[in-house]
Protein backbone atom coordinates (compact mmCIF):
# COMPACT_ATOMS: atom_id res chain seq x y z
CA MET A 1 -9.12 -6.26 -29.64
CA GLU A 2 -12.16 -5.94 -27.53
CA VAL A 3 -11.89 -3.28 -24.86
CA LEU A 4 -13.98 -2.80 -21.78
CA ARG A 5 -17.11 -1.16 -22.56
CA ARG A 6 -20.37 -0.25 -20.76
CA SER A 7 -23.29 0.87 -22.80
CA SER A 8 -25.30 3.83 -21.74
CA VAL A 9 -28.43 1.88 -21.66
CA PHE A 10 -26.90 -0.73 -19.39
CA ALA A 11 -25.49 1.96 -17.19
CA ALA A 12 -28.74 3.61 -16.93
CA GLU A 13 -30.45 0.41 -15.75
CA VAL A 14 -27.63 -0.11 -13.17
CA MET A 15 -28.22 3.33 -11.78
CA GLU A 16 -31.96 3.17 -11.72
CA VAL A 17 -31.87 0.31 -9.17
CA PHE A 18 -30.49 2.41 -6.45
CA ASP A 19 -33.78 3.86 -6.04
CA ARG A 20 -35.30 0.79 -4.68
CA SER A 21 -34.04 -2.45 -3.16
CA PRO A 22 -31.72 -4.10 -5.82
CA THR A 23 -32.17 -7.89 -6.69
CA ASP A 24 -29.40 -10.29 -6.52
CA LYS A 25 -28.78 -9.98 -10.33
CA GLU A 26 -28.66 -6.18 -10.16
CA LEU A 27 -26.22 -6.10 -7.25
CA VAL A 28 -24.07 -8.44 -9.32
CA SER A 29 -24.31 -6.44 -12.47
CA GLN A 30 -23.42 -3.39 -10.46
CA ALA A 31 -20.36 -5.12 -8.89
CA LYS A 32 -19.18 -5.88 -12.33
CA ALA A 33 -19.68 -2.46 -13.69
CA LEU A 34 -17.83 -1.11 -10.67
CA CYS A 35 -15.09 -3.65 -11.39
CA ARG A 36 -14.67 -2.50 -15.10
CA ASP A 37 -14.35 1.24 -13.83
CA TYR A 38 -11.62 0.21 -11.21
CA ILE A 39 -9.59 -1.88 -13.70
CA ASN A 40 -9.74 0.87 -16.29
CA SER A 41 -8.48 3.52 -13.76
CA ARG A 42 -5.71 1.11 -12.82
CA LEU A 43 -4.59 0.39 -16.41
CA ILE A 44 -4.74 4.23 -17.14
CA ARG A 45 -2.55 4.78 -14.01
CA ALA A 46 -0.12 2.02 -15.02
CA GLY A 47 0.26 3.52 -18.55
CA VAL A 48 -0.77 0.21 -20.02
CA SER A 49 -1.73 0.84 -23.73
CA TRP A 50 -4.51 -1.29 -25.68
CA SER A 51 -4.79 -1.51 -29.16
CA LYS A 52 -7.96 0.44 -29.21
CA PRO A 53 -7.99 2.38 -25.95
CA GLU A 54 -11.38 3.48 -25.46
CA TYR A 55 -11.70 4.19 -21.74
CA ASN A 56 -15.16 4.87 -20.32
CA ALA A 57 -15.42 7.30 -17.45
CA PRO A 58 -17.95 6.53 -14.64
CA VAL A 59 -21.44 7.32 -15.54
CA PRO A 60 -22.06 11.00 -14.76
CA GLY A 61 -24.22 11.83 -11.95
CA GLY A 62 -26.26 9.17 -9.89
CA LYS A 63 -25.19 6.95 -7.34
CA LEU A 64 -23.36 4.42 -9.25
CA ALA A 65 -20.88 7.02 -10.14
CA GLU A 66 -20.53 8.08 -6.58
CA VAL A 67 -19.99 4.59 -5.44
CA SER A 68 -17.18 4.19 -8.21
CA ILE A 69 -15.49 7.30 -6.86
CA ILE A 70 -15.47 6.39 -3.41
CA LEU A 71 -14.27 2.83 -4.16
CA LEU A 72 -11.53 4.22 -6.10
CA GLN A 73 -10.53 6.64 -3.42
CA LEU A 74 -10.52 3.83 -0.76
CA GLY A 75 -8.44 1.71 -3.21
CA ASP A 76 -6.17 4.64 -3.51
CA GLU A 77 -5.58 4.72 0.18
CA LEU A 78 -5.19 0.84 0.51
CA GLU A 79 -2.63 0.77 -2.34
CA TYR A 80 -0.71 3.72 -0.69
CA ILE A 81 -0.43 2.00 2.83
CA ARG A 82 1.17 -1.24 1.11
CA PRO A 83 2.21 -0.26 -2.33
CA ASN A 84 3.92 -3.46 -3.23
CA VAL A 85 1.23 -5.62 -1.89
CA TYR A 86 -1.30 -4.96 -4.80
CA ARG A 87 1.21 -5.04 -7.53
CA ASN A 88 2.62 -7.88 -9.42
CA ILE A 89 0.00 -10.17 -8.20
CA ALA A 90 0.72 -12.84 -10.67
CA ARG A 91 4.29 -13.04 -9.77
CA GLN A 92 3.50 -13.14 -6.05
CA LEU A 93 1.15 -16.04 -6.62
CA ASN A 94 3.60 -17.48 -8.82
CA ILE A 95 0.90 -18.36 -11.57
CA SER A 96 0.88 -18.35 -15.32
CA LEU A 97 -1.38 -15.94 -17.05
CA HIS A 98 -1.84 -18.05 -20.29
CA SER A 99 -4.36 -20.31 -18.61
CA GLU A 100 -7.81 -19.24 -18.01
CA THR A 101 -8.39 -21.88 -15.41
CA VAL A 102 -5.32 -21.12 -13.46
CA VAL A 103 -6.22 -17.32 -13.33
CA THR A 104 -9.78 -17.94 -12.49
CA ASP A 105 -8.74 -20.51 -9.66
CA ALA A 106 -6.14 -18.28 -8.37
CA PHE A 107 -8.46 -15.27 -7.99
CA LEU A 108 -11.43 -17.01 -6.61
CA ALA A 109 -8.97 -18.57 -4.01
CA VAL A 110 -7.64 -15.39 -3.19
CA ALA A 111 -11.15 -14.04 -2.74
CA ALA A 112 -12.26 -16.68 -0.64
CA GLN A 113 -9.28 -16.32 1.71
CA ILE A 114 -9.95 -12.28 1.98
CA PHE A 115 -13.52 -13.14 3.59
CA THR A 116 -12.50 -16.06 5.43
CA ALA A 117 -13.05 -14.22 8.90
CA GLY A 118 -16.11 -12.21 7.62
CA ILE A 119 -17.18 -9.30 5.35
CA THR A 120 -16.23 -5.69 5.71
CA TRP A 121 -16.01 -2.79 3.32
CA GLY A 122 -12.31 -2.87 3.74
CA LYS A 123 -12.38 -6.42 2.56
CA VAL A 124 -14.49 -5.64 -0.48
CA VAL A 125 -12.04 -2.79 -1.38
CA SER A 126 -9.12 -5.04 -1.16
CA LEU A 127 -11.01 -7.57 -3.48
CA TYR A 128 -11.21 -4.78 -6.21
CA ALA A 129 -7.53 -3.92 -5.64
CA VAL A 130 -6.61 -7.70 -6.31
CA ALA A 131 -8.74 -7.93 -9.32
CA ALA A 132 -7.38 -4.65 -10.72
CA GLY A 133 -3.69 -5.63 -9.94
CA LEU A 134 -4.22 -8.83 -11.53
CA ALA A 135 -5.80 -7.36 -14.71
CA VAL A 136 -2.97 -5.02 -15.25
CA ASP A 137 -0.47 -8.12 -15.04
CA CYS A 138 -2.85 -9.71 -17.77
CA VAL A 139 -2.65 -6.80 -20.04
CA ARG A 140 1.19 -6.34 -19.57
CA HIS A 141 1.63 -9.82 -20.44
CA ALA A 142 -0.39 -9.68 -23.74
CA GLN A 143 -3.45 -11.60 -22.10
CA PRO A 144 -6.13 -8.75 -22.15
CA ALA A 145 -8.79 -11.24 -22.87
CA MET A 146 -8.21 -12.36 -19.02
CA VAL A 147 -9.38 -9.06 -17.90
CA HIS A 148 -12.96 -10.12 -18.76
CA THR A 149 -12.63 -13.42 -17.10
CA ILE A 150 -11.43 -11.54 -13.94
CA VAL A 151 -14.52 -9.21 -14.09
CA ASP A 152 -16.88 -12.28 -14.64
CA CYS A 153 -15.18 -14.09 -11.62
CA LEU A 154 -15.55 -11.09 -9.42
CA GLY A 155 -19.16 -11.04 -10.34
CA GLU A 156 -19.65 -14.62 -9.58
CA PHE A 157 -18.09 -14.26 -6.30
CA VAL A 158 -20.10 -11.47 -5.34
CA ARG A 159 -23.16 -13.55 -6.42
CA LYS A 160 -22.15 -16.60 -4.33
CA THR A 161 -20.70 -14.81 -1.17
CA LEU A 162 -21.54 -11.17 -1.01
CA VAL A 163 -25.06 -10.46 -2.21
CA THR A 164 -26.82 -11.25 1.21
CA TRP A 165 -24.31 -9.02 3.12
CA LEU A 166 -24.89 -6.27 0.35
CA LYS A 167 -28.75 -6.54 0.58
CA ARG A 168 -28.71 -6.13 4.49
CA ARG A 169 -26.81 -2.89 3.94
CA GLY A 170 -29.14 -1.47 1.12
CA GLY A 171 -26.81 -2.19 -1.75
CA TRP A 172 -23.43 -0.89 -2.88
CA ALA A 173 -24.41 2.76 -2.01
CA ASP A 174 -23.53 1.86 1.62
CA ILE A 175 -19.92 2.07 1.16
CA THR A 176 -20.29 6.01 0.78
CA LYS A 177 -20.69 5.94 4.61
CA CYS A 178 -17.07 4.93 4.87
CA VAL A 179 -15.87 8.48 4.03
CA VAL A 180 -18.85 10.69 5.45
CA SER A 181 -17.61 12.36 8.65
CA THR A 182 -15.07 9.68 9.28
CA ASP A 183 -11.54 10.27 10.81
CA PRO A 184 -8.91 9.53 8.44
CA SER A 185 -6.99 7.76 11.13
CA LEU A 186 -9.89 5.44 11.68
CA ARG A 187 -10.44 4.72 8.12
CA SER A 188 -6.65 3.95 7.79
CA HIS A 189 -7.28 1.62 10.66
CA TRP A 190 -9.52 -0.81 8.76
CA LEU A 191 -7.85 -0.33 5.63
CA VAL A 192 -4.47 -1.45 7.08
CA ALA A 193 -6.40 -4.61 8.51
CA ALA A 194 -7.42 -5.53 5.10
CA VAL A 195 -3.86 -5.10 3.83
CA CYS A 196 -2.47 -7.22 6.59
CA SER A 197 -5.04 -9.96 5.98
CA PHE A 198 -3.96 -10.03 2.38
CA GLY A 199 -0.29 -10.17 3.23
CA HIS A 200 -1.01 -13.32 5.29
CA PHE A 201 -3.06 -15.17 3.03
CA LEU A 202 -0.85 -14.64 0.00
CA LYS A 203 1.51 -16.98 1.29
CA ALA A 204 -1.13 -19.38 2.20
CA ILE A 205 -2.66 -19.16 -1.54
CA PHE A 206 0.87 -19.75 -2.88
CA PHE A 207 0.94 -23.12 -1.28
CA VAL A 208 -2.59 -23.99 -2.20
CA LEU A 209 -1.80 -23.40 -6.01
CA LEU A 210 1.56 -24.93 -5.78
CA PRO A 211 0.42 -28.31 -7.23
CA GLU A 212 -1.41 -26.67 -9.99
CA ARG A 213 1.68 -24.75 -11.43
């Protein structure tokens, strides 16, 4: 079974672009690399076994590794606030994990709803938490190939919806500002907002997907 991998050459290329203004393609590549790290972390935490577990740690040193660490830390806080929201995603959406089309449509529908009222880092973290939660569901239900589909879907969503916003902020490294000299209570506030938004649109997505099940 193929396991999530990121070559050292690719990782070096991804990190190098932090030293200049990244292109759309580079931002998408970084988004997918960060997604793989996030999913790997959640699979390990969930104790989910692969046939050939070869988990890669975030690239040592460099901005990409720092971004990955911050993203995971914010994700930990988000999931701690509402522990049940980002678990059993497939069951909450009442979808089958045996169809790539169903999984793709469901993830993209949820992603679109998250950002209906605008883009914030809190919502970006929520997007990654949803992707990881759904990936854990897929592996647990013997559909590990779907994990790669989820990573690709997230990359495509970033390309279509988030790239312009990311470029205005200088790229993914801007997320590190969320934890530098920031009052934890204030950080919790925007994370709670992201959780509340997700909770509300889960019901909406359920009815959107109802005819497809």
